[in-house]
Amino acid sequence: MAATSIKLSDELKARIAPLADAEGISPHAWMLRALAAEAERAEKRADFLAEGRRRLAEARDGAPLYPAEDVFAYLSQRLEDGLAKRPKPLRR
């Protein structure tokens, strides 16, 4: 495991200490958990944006497109009774 040093302002250090204490963990453990959560959030956002770019490219390349209101109506009907006709794609 690699060691890294981090400089915290006195204010931030003072904010972290009671939060860690309230959870019964050390400030170090609290910061590790916070860093891991932030790294995961950033990775998920990057994946989300990459998926959006991929889907946009598919749409530009001719993948079927559906009006949002038709999709919402379809999903609402499926949730209500499970009997819904799939929406028809837009004609291009």
PDB file of N, CA and C in Angstrom:
ATOM      1  N   MET A   1       0.846  -1.166   0.000  1.00  0.00           N
ATOM      2  CA  MET A   1       0.000   0.000   0.000  1.00  0.00           C
ATOM      3  C   MET A   1       0.895   1.233   0.000  1.00  0.00           C
ATOM      4  N   ALA A   2       0.572   2.175  -0.854  1.00  0.00           N
ATOM      5  CA  ALA A   2       1.369   3.392  -0.976  1.00  0.00           C
ATOM      6  C   ALA A   2       0.946   4.419   0.072  1.00  0.00           C
ATOM      7  N   ALA A   3       1.916   5.130   0.568  1.00  0.00           N
ATOM      8  CA  ALA A   3       1.639   6.211   1.519  1.00  0.00           C
ATOM      9  C   ALA A   3       1.612   7.528   0.768  1.00  0.00           C
ATOM     10  N   THR A   4       0.660   8.359   1.118  1.00  0.00           N
ATOM     11  CA  THR A   4       0.536   9.689   0.523  1.00  0.00           C
ATOM     12  C   THR A   4       0.283  10.667   1.641  1.00  0.00           C
ATOM     13  N   SER A   5       0.871  11.834   1.511  1.00  0.00           N
ATOM     14  CA  SER A   5       0.594  12.836   2.514  1.00  0.00           C
ATOM     15  C   SER A   5      -0.317  13.880   1.908  1.00  0.00           C
ATOM     16  N   ILE A   6      -1.191  14.396   2.744  1.00  0.00           N
ATOM     17  CA  ILE A   6      -2.163  15.386   2.288  1.00  0.00           C
ATOM     18  C   ILE A   6      -2.197  16.510   3.310  1.00  0.00           C
ATOM     19  N   LYS A   7      -2.200  17.720   2.818  1.00  0.00           N
ATOM     20  CA  LYS A   7      -2.260  18.868   3.719  1.00  0.00           C
ATOM     21  C   LYS A   7      -3.701  19.356   3.773  1.00  0.00           C
ATOM     22  N   LEU A   8      -4.218  19.438   4.978  1.00  0.00           N
ATOM     23  CA  LEU A   8      -5.577  19.909   5.202  1.00  0.00           C
ATOM     24  C   LEU A   8      -5.533  21.242   5.920  1.00  0.00           C
ATOM     25  N   SER A   9      -6.468  22.098   5.578  1.00  0.00           N
ATOM     26  CA  SER A   9      -6.574  23.339   6.342  1.00  0.00           C
ATOM     27  C   SER A   9      -7.035  22.975   7.753  1.00  0.00           C
ATOM     28  N   ASP A  10      -6.722  23.842   8.697  1.00  0.00           N
ATOM     29  CA  ASP A  10      -7.172  23.594  10.073  1.00  0.00           C
ATOM     30  C   ASP A  10      -8.694  23.502  10.129  1.00  0.00           C
ATOM     31  N   GLU A  11      -9.362  24.316   9.312  1.00  0.00           N
ATOM     32  CA  GLU A  11     -10.829  24.306   9.299  1.00  0.00           C
ATOM     33  C   GLU A  11     -11.369  22.957   8.821  1.00  0.00           C
ATOM     34  N   LEU A  12     -10.813  22.429   7.731  1.00  0.00           N
ATOM     35  CA  LEU A  12     -11.286  21.150   7.208  1.00  0.00           C
ATOM     36  C   LEU A  12     -10.994  20.022   8.187  1.00  0.00           C
ATOM     37  N   LYS A  13      -9.813  20.032   8.763  1.00  0.00           N
ATOM     38  CA  LYS A  13      -9.451  19.011   9.747  1.00  0.00           C
ATOM     39  C   LYS A  13     -10.413  19.049  10.932  1.00  0.00           C
ATOM     40  N   ALA A  14     -10.780  20.256  11.355  1.00  0.00           N
ATOM     41  CA  ALA A  14     -11.720  20.404  12.475  1.00  0.00           C
ATOM     42  C   ALA A  14     -13.117  19.932  12.092  1.00  0.00           C
ATOM     43  N   ARG A  15     -13.492  20.062  10.834  1.00  0.00           N
ATOM     44  CA  ARG A  15     -14.809  19.589  10.380  1.00  0.00           C
ATOM     45  C   ARG A  15     -14.857  18.069  10.304  1.00  0.00           C
ATOM     46  N   ILE A  16     -13.745  17.458   9.873  1.00  0.00           N
ATOM     47  CA  ILE A  16     -13.706  16.015   9.686  1.00  0.00           C
ATOM     48  C   ILE A  16     -13.703  15.271  11.015  1.00  0.00           C
ATOM     49  N   ALA A  17     -12.979  15.766  11.994  1.00  0.00           N
ATOM     50  CA  ALA A  17     -12.816  15.053  13.268  1.00  0.00           C
ATOM     51  C   ALA A  17     -14.153  14.681  13.914  1.00  0.00           C
ATOM     52  N   PRO A  18     -15.109  15.608  14.080  1.00  0.00           N
ATOM     53  CA  PRO A  18     -16.360  15.193  14.723  1.00  0.00           C
ATOM     54  C   PRO A  18     -17.208  14.260  13.853  1.00  0.00           C
ATOM     55  N   LEU A  19     -17.085  14.385  12.541  1.00  0.00           N
ATOM     56  CA  LEU A  19     -17.826  13.488  11.653  1.00  0.00           C
ATOM     57  C   LEU A  19     -17.319  12.056  11.811  1.00  0.00           C
ATOM     58  N   ALA A  20     -16.004  11.906  11.836  1.00  0.00           N
ATOM     59  CA  ALA A  20     -15.405  10.589  12.021  1.00  0.00           C
ATOM     60  C   ALA A  20     -15.751  10.039  13.397  1.00  0.00           C
ATOM     61  N   ASP A  21     -15.659  10.891  14.405  1.00  0.00           N
ATOM     62  CA  ASP A  21     -15.956  10.484  15.775  1.00  0.00           C
ATOM     63  C   ASP A  21     -17.401  10.003  15.900  1.00  0.00           C
ATOM     64  N   ALA A  22     -18.318  10.704  15.245  1.00  0.00           N
ATOM     65  CA  ALA A  22     -19.733  10.325  15.307  1.00  0.00           C
ATOM     66  C   ALA A  22     -19.969   8.945  14.703  1.00  0.00           C
ATOM     67  N   GLU A  23     -19.101   8.538  13.790  1.00  0.00           N
ATOM     68  CA  GLU A  23     -19.244   7.230  13.167  1.00  0.00           C
ATOM     69  C   GLU A  23     -18.359   6.176  13.832  1.00  0.00           C
ATOM     70  N   GLY A  24     -17.614   6.595  14.831  1.00  0.00           N
ATOM     71  CA  GLY A  24     -16.760   5.667  15.568  1.00  0.00           C
ATOM     72  C   GLY A  24     -15.553   5.203  14.776  1.00  0.00           C
ATOM     73  N   ILE A  25     -15.075   6.048  13.875  1.00  0.00           N
ATOM     74  CA  ILE A  25     -13.890   5.710  13.092  1.00  0.00           C
ATOM     75  C   ILE A  25     -12.879   6.845  13.207  1.00  0.00           C
ATOM     76  N   SER A  26     -11.673   6.571  12.783  1.00  0.00           N
ATOM     77  CA  SER A  26     -10.635   7.594  12.847  1.00  0.00           C
ATOM     78  C   SER A  26     -10.830   8.588  11.700  1.00  0.00           C
ATOM     79  N   PRO A  27     -10.303   9.807  11.865  1.00  0.00           N
ATOM     80  CA  PRO A  27     -10.341  10.749  10.749  1.00  0.00           C
ATOM     81  C   PRO A  27      -9.666  10.177   9.496  1.00  0.00           C
ATOM     82  N   HIS A  28      -8.603   9.405   9.694  1.00  0.00           N
ATOM     83  CA  HIS A  28      -7.918   8.779   8.567  1.00  0.00           C
ATOM     84  C   HIS A  28      -8.874   7.839   7.817  1.00  0.00           C
ATOM     85  N   ALA A  29      -9.558   6.977   8.549  1.00  0.00           N
ATOM     86  CA  ALA A  29     -10.501   6.043   7.922  1.00  0.00           C
ATOM     87  C   ALA A  29     -11.637   6.803   7.242  1.00  0.00           C
ATOM     88  N   TRP A  30     -12.097   7.870   7.872  1.00  0.00           N
ATOM     89  CA  TRP A  30     -13.178   8.675   7.278  1.00  0.00           C
ATOM     90  C   TRP A  30     -12.723   9.280   5.954  1.00  0.00           C
ATOM     91  N   MET A  31     -11.494   9.804   5.935  1.00  0.00           N
ATOM     92  CA  MET A  31     -10.970  10.417   4.700  1.00  0.00           C
ATOM     93  C   MET A  31     -10.767   9.365   3.609  1.00  0.00           C
ATOM     94  N   LEU A  32     -10.280   8.171   3.983  1.00  0.00           N
ATOM     95  CA  LEU A  32     -10.112   7.116   2.986  1.00  0.00           C
ATOM     96  C   LEU A  32     -11.460   6.753   2.366  1.00  0.00           C
ATOM     97  N   ARG A  33     -12.464   6.632   3.207  1.00  0.00           N
ATOM     98  CA  ARG A  33     -13.798   6.301   2.704  1.00  0.00           C
ATOM     99  C   ARG A  33     -14.332   7.412   1.804  1.00  0.00           C
ATOM    100  N   ALA A  34     -14.123   8.654   2.206  1.00  0.00           N
ATOM    101  CA  ALA A  34     -14.589   9.790   1.402  1.00  0.00           C
ATOM    102  C   ALA A  34     -13.870   9.827   0.052  1.00  0.00           C
ATOM    103  N   LEU A  35     -12.577   9.577   0.050  1.00  0.00           N
ATOM    104  CA  LEU A  35     -11.823   9.562  -1.208  1.00  0.00           C
ATOM    105  C   LEU A  35     -12.280   8.415  -2.118  1.00  0.00           C
ATOM    106  N   ALA A  36     -12.513   7.246  -1.535  1.00  0.00           N
ATOM    107  CA  ALA A  36     -12.991   6.106  -2.330  1.00  0.00           C
ATOM    108  C   ALA A  36     -14.362   6.406  -2.924  1.00  0.00           C
ATOM    109  N   ALA A  37     -15.247   7.026  -2.135  1.00  0.00           N
ATOM    110  CA  ALA A  37     -16.586   7.362  -2.624  1.00  0.00           C
ATOM    111  C   ALA A  37     -16.503   8.383  -3.754  1.00  0.00           C
ATOM    112  N   GLU A  38     -15.641   9.358  -3.618  1.00  0.00           N
ATOM    113  CA  GLU A  38     -15.494  10.384  -4.656  1.00  0.00           C
ATOM    114  C   GLU A  38     -14.889   9.794  -5.923  1.00  0.00           C
ATOM    115  N   ALA A  39     -13.921   8.900  -5.773  1.00  0.00           N
ATOM    116  CA  ALA A  39     -13.332   8.243  -6.947  1.00  0.00           C
ATOM    117  C   ALA A  39     -14.397   7.420  -7.673  1.00  0.00           C
ATOM    118  N   GLU A  40     -15.215   6.702  -6.923  1.00  0.00           N
ATOM    119  CA  GLU A  40     -16.290   5.915  -7.529  1.00  0.00           C
ATOM    120  C   GLU A  40     -17.292   6.817  -8.248  1.00  0.00           C
ATOM    121  N   ARG A  41     -17.655   7.939  -7.626  1.00  0.00           N
ATOM    122  CA  ARG A  41     -18.593   8.880  -8.243  1.00  0.00           C
ATOM    123  C   ARG A  41     -18.024   9.429  -9.555  1.00  0.00           C
ATOM    124  N   ALA A  42     -16.762   9.790  -9.540  1.00  0.00           N
ATOM    125  CA  ALA A  42     -16.129  10.335 -10.743  1.00  0.00           C
ATOM    126  C   ALA A  42     -16.044   9.279 -11.846  1.00  0.00           C
ATOM    127  N   GLU A  43     -15.742   8.038 -11.475  1.00  0.00           N
ATOM    128  CA  GLU A  43     -15.694   6.958 -12.463  1.00  0.00           C
ATOM    129  C   GLU A  43     -17.074   6.695 -13.066  1.00  0.00           C
ATOM    130  N   LYS A  44     -18.098   6.694 -12.216  1.00  0.00           N
ATOM    131  CA  LYS A  44     -19.464   6.490 -12.718  1.00  0.00           C
ATOM    132  C   LYS A  44     -19.871   7.623 -13.658  1.00  0.00           C
ATOM    133  N   ARG A  45     -19.507   8.838 -13.330  1.00  0.00           N
ATOM    134  CA  ARG A  45     -19.829   9.965 -14.206  1.00  0.00           C
ATOM    135  C   ARG A  45     -19.113   9.828 -15.546  1.00  0.00           C
ATOM    136  N   ALA A  46     -17.852   9.432 -15.510  1.00  0.00           N
ATOM    137  CA  ALA A  46     -17.107   9.245 -16.758  1.00  0.00           C
ATOM    138  C   ALA A  46     -17.746   8.137 -17.597  1.00  0.00           C
ATOM    139  N   ASP A  47     -18.161   7.043 -16.959  1.00  0.00           N
ATOM    140  CA  ASP A  47     -18.829   5.954 -17.671  1.00  0.00           C
ATOM    141  C   ASP A  47     -20.156   6.430 -18.267  1.00  0.00           C
ATOM    142  N   PHE A  48     -20.911   7.207 -17.488  1.00  0.00           N
ATOM    143  CA  PHE A  48     -22.198   7.745 -17.951  1.00  0.00           C
ATOM    144  C   PHE A  48     -22.005   8.622 -19.179  1.00  0.00           C
ATOM    145  N   LEU A  49     -21.019   9.505 -19.131  1.00  0.00           N
ATOM    146  CA  LEU A  49     -20.759  10.393 -20.261  1.00  0.00           C
ATOM    147  C   LEU A  49     -20.279   9.607 -21.480  1.00  0.00           C
ATOM    148  N   ALA A  50     -19.439   8.589 -21.274  1.00  0.00           N
ATOM    149  CA  ALA A  50     -18.968   7.766 -22.392  1.00  0.00           C
ATOM    150  C   ALA A  50     -20.142   7.022 -23.029  1.00  0.00           C
ATOM    151  N   GLU A  51     -21.033   6.503 -22.200  1.00  0.00           N
ATOM    152  CA  GLU A  51     -22.224   5.823 -22.719  1.00  0.00           C
ATOM    153  C   GLU A  51     -23.094   6.790 -23.508  1.00  0.00           C
ATOM    154  N   GLY A  52     -23.246   8.005 -23.019  1.00  0.00           N
ATOM    155  CA  GLY A  52     -24.018   9.016 -23.738  1.00  0.00           C
ATOM    156  C   GLY A  52     -23.405   9.333 -25.090  1.00  0.00           C
ATOM    157  N   ARG A  53     -22.082   9.459 -25.137  1.00  0.00           N
ATOM    158  CA  ARG A  53     -21.412   9.723 -26.411  1.00  0.00           C
ATOM    159  C   ARG A  53     -21.585   8.552 -27.376  1.00  0.00           C
ATOM    160  N   ARG A  54     -21.512   7.327 -26.826  1.00  0.00           N
ATOM    161  CA  ARG A  54     -21.693   6.135 -27.662  1.00  0.00           C
ATOM    162  C   ARG A  54     -23.115   6.086 -28.215  1.00  0.00           C
ATOM    163  N   ARG A  55     -24.118   6.350 -27.364  1.00  0.00           N
ATOM    164  CA  ARG A  55     -25.512   6.324 -27.805  1.00  0.00           C
ATOM    165  C   ARG A  55     -25.795   7.431 -28.823  1.00  0.00           C
ATOM    166  N   LEU A  56     -25.197   8.584 -28.641  1.00  0.00           N
ATOM    167  CA  LEU A  56     -25.376   9.671 -29.594  1.00  0.00           C
ATOM    168  C   LEU A  56     -24.813   9.266 -30.957  1.00  0.00           C
ATOM    169  N   ALA A  57     -23.655   8.630 -30.946  1.00  0.00           N
ATOM    170  CA  ALA A  57     -23.059   8.170 -32.206  1.00  0.00           C
ATOM    171  C   ALA A  57     -23.957   7.133 -32.870  1.00  0.00           C
ATOM    172  N   GLU A  58     -24.545   6.223 -32.079  1.00  0.00           N
ATOM    173  CA  GLU A  58     -25.466   5.235 -32.640  1.00  0.00           C
ATOM    174  C   GLU A  58     -26.673   5.913 -33.272  1.00  0.00           C
ATOM    175  N   ALA A  59     -27.219   6.912 -32.587  1.00  0.00           N
ATOM    176  CA  ALA A  59     -28.386   7.627 -33.122  1.00  0.00           C
ATOM    177  C   ALA A  59     -28.016   8.322 -34.427  1.00  0.00           C
ATOM    178  N   ARG A  60     -26.854   8.925 -34.464  1.00  0.00           N
ATOM    179  CA  ARG A  60     -26.411   9.604 -35.689  1.00  0.00           C
ATOM    180  C   ARG A  60     -26.154   8.610 -36.826  1.00  0.00           C
ATOM    181  N   ASP A  61     -25.826   7.374 -36.439  1.00  0.00           N
ATOM    182  CA  ASP A  61     -25.550   6.340 -37.442  1.00  0.00           C
ATOM    183  C   ASP A  61     -26.809   5.587 -37.874  1.00  0.00           C
ATOM    184  N   GLY A  62     -27.982   6.007 -37.388  1.00  0.00           N
ATOM    185  CA  GLY A  62     -29.221   5.412 -37.866  1.00  0.00           C
ATOM    186  C   GLY A  62     -29.961   4.506 -36.910  1.00  0.00           C
ATOM    187  N   ALA A  63     -29.540   4.400 -35.656  1.00  0.00           N
ATOM    188  CA  ALA A  63     -30.288   3.579 -34.698  1.00  0.00           C
ATOM    189  C   ALA A  63     -31.705   4.147 -34.555  1.00  0.00           C
ATOM    190  N   PRO A  64     -32.686   3.299 -34.238  1.00  0.00           N
ATOM    191  CA  PRO A  64     -34.051   3.807 -34.122  1.00  0.00           C
ATOM    192  C   PRO A  64     -34.184   4.834 -32.992  1.00  0.00           C
ATOM    193  N   LEU A  65     -35.016   5.833 -33.238  1.00  0.00           N
ATOM    194  CA  LEU A  65     -35.291   6.881 -32.249  1.00  0.00           C
ATOM    195  C   LEU A  65     -36.778   6.838 -31.908  1.00  0.00           C
ATOM    196  N   TYR A  66     -37.090   7.144 -30.655  1.00  0.00           N
ATOM    197  CA  TYR A  66     -38.469   7.110 -30.182  1.00  0.00           C
ATOM    198  C   TYR A  66     -38.817   8.430 -29.518  1.00  0.00           C
ATOM    199  N   PRO A  67     -40.036   8.951 -29.760  1.00  0.00           N
ATOM    200  CA  PRO A  67     -40.444  10.166 -29.053  1.00  0.00           C
ATOM    201  C   PRO A  67     -40.494   9.897 -27.542  1.00  0.00           C
ATOM    202  N   ALA A  68     -39.950  10.788 -26.763  1.00  0.00           N
ATOM    203  CA  ALA A  68     -39.882  10.602 -25.303  1.00  0.00           C
ATOM    204  C   ALA A  68     -41.257  10.385 -24.702  1.00  0.00           C
ATOM    205  N   GLU A  69     -42.268  11.159 -25.161  1.00  0.00           N
ATOM    206  CA  GLU A  69     -43.602  11.005 -24.572  1.00  0.00           C
ATOM    207  C   GLU A  69     -44.168   9.615 -24.838  1.00  0.00           C
ATOM    208  N   ASP A  70     -43.831   9.016 -25.988  1.00  0.00           N
ATOM    209  CA  ASP A  70     -44.292   7.653 -26.277  1.00  0.00           C
ATOM    210  C   ASP A  70     -43.607   6.638 -25.360  1.00  0.00           C
ATOM    211  N   VAL A  71     -42.335   6.838 -25.110  1.00  0.00           N
ATOM    212  CA  VAL A  71     -41.597   5.939 -24.219  1.00  0.00           C
ATOM    213  C   VAL A  71     -42.130   6.052 -22.799  1.00  0.00           C
ATOM    214  N   PHE A  72     -42.361   7.283 -22.324  1.00  0.00           N
ATOM    215  CA  PHE A  72     -42.895   7.467 -20.973  1.00  0.00           C
ATOM    216  C   PHE A  72     -44.281   6.837 -20.838  1.00  0.00           C
ATOM    217  N   ALA A  73     -45.118   7.010 -21.852  1.00  0.00           N
ATOM    218  CA  ALA A  73     -46.459   6.412 -21.820  1.00  0.00           C
ATOM    219  C   ALA A  73     -46.358   4.892 -21.793  1.00  0.00           C
ATOM    220  N   TYR A  74     -45.466   4.347 -22.592  1.00  0.00           N
ATOM    221  CA  TYR A  74     -45.258   2.894 -22.634  1.00  0.00           C
ATOM    222  C   TYR A  74     -44.819   2.376 -21.262  1.00  0.00           C
ATOM    223  N   LEU A  75     -43.831   3.020 -20.677  1.00  0.00           N
ATOM    224  CA  LEU A  75     -43.319   2.575 -19.377  1.00  0.00           C
ATOM    225  C   LEU A  75     -44.383   2.706 -18.291  1.00  0.00           C
ATOM    226  N   SER A  76     -45.149   3.790 -18.325  1.00  0.00           N
ATOM    227  CA  SER A  76     -46.215   3.975 -17.333  1.00  0.00           C
ATOM    228  C   SER A  76     -47.255   2.874 -17.450  1.00  0.00           C
ATOM    229  N   GLN A  77     -47.627   2.551 -18.669  1.00  0.00           N
ATOM    230  CA  GLN A  77     -48.616   1.494 -18.887  1.00  0.00           C
ATOM    231  C   GLN A  77     -48.068   0.147 -18.446  1.00  0.00           C
ATOM    232  N   ARG A  78     -46.799  -0.121 -18.734  1.00  0.00           N
ATOM    233  CA  ARG A  78     -46.175  -1.383 -18.299  1.00  0.00           C
ATOM    234  C   ARG A  78     -46.183  -1.506 -16.787  1.00  0.00           C
ATOM    235  N   LEU A  79     -45.898  -0.400 -16.108  1.00  0.00           N
ATOM    236  CA  LEU A  79     -45.911  -0.431 -14.644  1.00  0.00           C
ATOM    237  C   LEU A  79     -47.322  -0.619 -14.104  1.00  0.00           C
ATOM    238  N   GLU A  80     -48.277  -0.042 -14.788  1.00  0.00           N
ATOM    239  CA  GLU A  80     -49.660  -0.105 -14.319  1.00  0.00           C
ATOM    240  C   GLU A  80     -50.244  -1.504 -14.449  1.00  0.00           C
ATOM    241  N   ASP A  81     -50.157  -2.089 -15.627  1.00  0.00           N
ATOM    242  CA  ASP A  81     -50.805  -3.382 -15.816  1.00  0.00           C
ATOM    243  C   ASP A  81     -49.975  -4.404 -16.597  1.00  0.00           C
ATOM    244  N   GLY A  82     -48.786  -4.006 -17.029  1.00  0.00           N
ATOM    245  CA  GLY A  82     -47.935  -4.925 -17.767  1.00  0.00           C
ATOM    246  C   GLY A  82     -48.351  -5.140 -19.212  1.00  0.00           C
ATOM    247  N   LEU A  83     -49.443  -4.498 -19.625  1.00  0.00           N
ATOM    248  CA  LEU A  83     -49.963  -4.681 -20.984  1.00  0.00           C
ATOM    249  C   LEU A  83     -49.801  -3.395 -21.758  1.00  0.00           C
ATOM    250  N   ALA A  84     -48.725  -3.292 -22.478  1.00  0.00           N
ATOM    251  CA  ALA A  84     -48.478  -2.072 -23.247  1.00  0.00           C
ATOM    252  C   ALA A  84     -47.872  -2.444 -24.586  1.00  0.00           C
ATOM    253  N   LYS A  85     -48.277  -1.727 -25.601  1.00  0.00           N
ATOM    254  CA  LYS A  85     -47.697  -1.931 -26.918  1.00  0.00           C
ATOM    255  C   LYS A  85     -46.436  -1.077 -27.006  1.00  0.00           C
ATOM    256  N   ARG A  86     -45.409  -1.677 -27.562  1.00  0.00           N
ATOM    257  CA  ARG A  86     -44.156  -0.949 -27.712  1.00  0.00           C
ATOM    258  C   ARG A  86     -44.347   0.247 -28.630  1.00  0.00           C
ATOM    259  N   PRO A  87     -43.691   1.367 -28.302  1.00  0.00           N
ATOM    260  CA  PRO A  87     -43.816   2.528 -29.179  1.00  0.00           C
ATOM    261  C   PRO A  87     -43.138   2.270 -30.527  1.00  0.00           C
ATOM    262  N   LYS A  88     -43.600   2.969 -31.518  1.00  0.00           N
ATOM    263  CA  LYS A  88     -43.021   2.848 -32.857  1.00  0.00           C
ATOM    264  C   LYS A  88     -41.899   3.883 -33.007  1.00  0.00           C
ATOM    265  N   PRO A  89     -40.817   3.485 -33.652  1.00  0.00           N
ATOM    266  CA  PRO A  89     -39.725   4.447 -33.852  1.00  0.00           C
ATOM    267  C   PRO A  89     -40.146   5.541 -34.843  1.00  0.00           C
ATOM    268  N   LEU A  90     -39.472   6.663 -34.744  1.00  0.00           N
ATOM    269  CA  LEU A  90     -39.692   7.760 -35.679  1.00  0.00           C
ATOM    270  C   LEU A  90     -39.219   7.336 -37.063  1.00  0.00           C
ATOM    271  N   ARG A  91     -39.864   7.867 -38.059  1.00  0.00           N
ATOM    272  CA  ARG A  91     -39.386   7.635 -39.426  1.00  0.00           C
ATOM    273  C   ARG A  91     -38.344   8.684 -39.735  1.00  0.00           C
ATOM    274  N   ARG A  92     -37.307   8.285 -40.398  1.00  0.00           N
ATOM    275  CA  ARG A  92     -36.237   9.227 -40.735  1.00  0.00           C
ATOM    276  C   ARG A  92     -36.251   9.524 -42.192  1.00  0.00           C
TER     277      ARG A  92
END
